[in-house]
Amino acid sequence: MSEGNQGPTIDGHEFIETICSALRAGKRLKVVDRRGKIYGKDDFRLVEVHAVGFAHGGFAAARVWEIANFEIAHTESRWELLHLSNVAECKMIDERSRAPRPGYRRDDPGMKEILCQI
């Protein structure tokens, strides 16, 4: 969290260690989306982390394989560049990650700086 002239802002940096820990432990994460909380929805995602760092726009991000969220079924898993500033909560859960998933590319070209990766 950083302080600006208009009060605190959330940038997502506070979740980097938790997300990297899940990657190293080979566990899935349950991520609660900040935008869903604003709209009163239980917006969560189950993800498998493949890389964490900073995208070309300078924002903290994680390349994840999304297993499920409140909008998609388990059969519609997909790649996602998760903007950490949109994360309200994240927690490592006791489910084994199956990373790396097909299509994963080490040294993700969508990220300018990688802090941890498979």
Protein backbone atom coordinates (compact mmCIF):
# COMPACT_ATOMS: atom_id res chain seq x y z
CA MET A 1 0.00 0.00 0.00
CA SER A 2 1.32 3.43 -0.83
CA GLU A 3 0.21 6.85 0.35
CA GLY A 4 -0.71 9.54 -2.14
CA ASN A 5 -2.20 12.98 -1.77
CA GLN A 6 -5.69 11.45 -1.70
CA GLY A 7 -5.06 8.74 0.89
CA PRO A 8 -3.84 5.16 0.64
CA THR A 9 -3.91 3.24 -2.63
CA ILE A 10 -3.62 -0.50 -3.19
CA ASP A 11 -0.98 -1.61 -5.67
CA GLY A 12 -0.89 -5.35 -5.01
CA HIS A 13 2.70 -5.54 -3.80
CA GLU A 14 1.51 -6.88 -0.45
CA PHE A 15 0.47 -10.17 -2.12
CA ILE A 16 3.71 -10.96 -3.96
CA GLU A 17 5.28 -13.07 -1.18
CA THR A 18 2.10 -15.13 -0.62
CA ILE A 19 1.75 -15.78 -4.34
CA CYS A 20 5.42 -16.73 -4.78
CA SER A 21 5.11 -19.03 -1.73
CA ALA A 22 2.19 -20.84 -3.38
CA LEU A 23 4.24 -21.24 -6.55
CA ARG A 24 7.21 -22.68 -4.63
CA ALA A 25 4.96 -25.00 -2.58
CA GLY A 26 3.12 -26.25 -5.66
CA LYS A 27 -0.28 -25.18 -4.26
CA ARG A 28 -3.30 -23.41 -5.72
CA LEU A 29 -4.49 -19.98 -4.58
CA LYS A 30 -7.95 -18.67 -3.82
CA VAL A 31 -8.00 -15.03 -4.89
CA VAL A 32 -10.80 -12.60 -3.99
CA ASP A 33 -11.23 -9.80 -6.51
CA ARG A 34 -11.54 -6.26 -5.12
CA ARG A 35 -13.95 -5.26 -7.90
CA GLY A 36 -16.41 -7.99 -6.92
CA LYS A 37 -16.47 -6.69 -3.35
CA ILE A 38 -17.35 -3.23 -4.64
CA TYR A 39 -20.35 -4.62 -6.52
CA GLY A 40 -21.36 -6.91 -3.65
CA LYS A 41 -20.47 -10.12 -5.49
CA ASP A 42 -18.51 -13.04 -4.12
CA ASP A 43 -15.92 -12.74 -6.89
CA PHE A 44 -13.18 -15.28 -6.37
CA ARG A 45 -10.79 -17.24 -8.53
CA LEU A 46 -8.95 -20.51 -8.03
CA VAL A 47 -5.61 -20.21 -9.80
CA GLU A 48 -2.31 -21.96 -10.38
CA VAL A 49 0.60 -19.53 -10.36
CA HIS A 50 3.26 -19.77 -13.08
CA ALA A 51 5.09 -16.41 -12.75
CA VAL A 52 4.97 -13.29 -10.58
CA GLY A 53 6.50 -9.89 -11.25
CA PHE A 54 5.78 -6.65 -13.06
CA ALA A 55 4.06 -6.27 -16.43
CA HIS A 56 5.21 -3.83 -19.10
CA GLY A 57 2.77 -1.23 -17.73
CA GLY A 58 4.72 -1.32 -14.44
CA PHE A 59 1.93 -2.93 -12.40
CA ALA A 60 2.42 -5.97 -10.15
CA ALA A 61 1.03 -9.05 -11.89
CA ALA A 62 0.93 -12.84 -11.89
CA ARG A 63 0.62 -15.16 -14.87
CA VAL A 64 -1.91 -17.72 -13.70
CA TRP A 65 -3.93 -20.63 -15.03
CA GLU A 66 -7.45 -19.86 -13.85
CA ILE A 67 -9.20 -23.05 -12.73
CA ALA A 68 -12.50 -21.45 -11.74
CA ASN A 69 -14.14 -18.18 -10.82
CA PHE A 70 -17.66 -17.06 -10.06
CA GLU A 71 -18.39 -16.64 -13.80
CA ILE A 72 -16.81 -19.69 -15.45
CA ALA A 73 -17.21 -23.43 -15.03
CA HIS A 74 -14.30 -25.76 -14.20
CA THR A 75 -14.25 -26.90 -17.85
CA GLU A 76 -13.41 -23.38 -19.07
CA SER A 77 -9.96 -22.95 -17.55
CA ARG A 78 -7.83 -20.25 -19.15
CA TRP A 79 -4.66 -18.18 -18.97
CA GLU A 80 -4.89 -14.85 -17.18
CA LEU A 81 -2.52 -11.99 -16.40
CA LEU A 82 -3.79 -11.20 -12.93
CA HIS A 83 -3.39 -7.51 -11.97
CA LEU A 84 -2.50 -7.66 -8.27
CA SER A 85 -4.03 -4.23 -7.66
CA ASN A 86 -7.42 -5.93 -8.22
CA VAL A 87 -6.77 -8.48 -5.46
CA ALA A 88 -8.54 -7.94 -2.13
CA GLU A 89 -7.39 -11.22 -0.52
CA CYS A 90 -5.39 -14.26 -1.51
CA LYS A 91 -4.78 -17.49 0.34
CA MET A 92 -2.84 -20.64 -0.46
CA ILE A 93 -5.21 -23.60 -0.32
CA ASP A 94 -4.50 -27.28 0.25
CA GLU A 95 -4.92 -28.31 -3.38
CA ARG A 96 -1.98 -29.36 -5.51
CA SER A 97 -1.17 -27.17 -8.49
CA ARG A 98 -0.74 -28.98 -11.79
CA ALA A 99 1.61 -26.31 -13.11
CA PRO A 100 3.14 -26.00 -15.58
CA ARG A 101 0.07 -26.06 -17.80
CA PRO A 102 0.21 -26.52 -21.59
CA GLY A 103 1.20 -23.32 -23.36
CA TYR A 104 3.26 -21.91 -20.49
CA ARG A 105 6.37 -20.05 -21.63
CA ARG A 106 9.14 -19.43 -19.12
CA ASP A 107 10.36 -15.80 -19.06
CA ASP A 108 6.84 -14.62 -19.94
CA PRO A 109 7.01 -11.95 -22.67
CA GLY A 110 4.03 -10.17 -21.07
CA MET A 111 6.18 -9.30 -18.05
CA LYS A 112 9.12 -6.92 -17.95
CA GLU A 113 10.46 -8.19 -14.59
CA ILE A 114 9.92 -11.63 -13.10
CA LEU A 115 10.40 -12.18 -9.35
CA CYS A 116 9.54 -15.88 -9.26
CA GLN A 117 8.46 -18.44 -11.86
CA ILE A 118 8.21 -22.14 -12.54
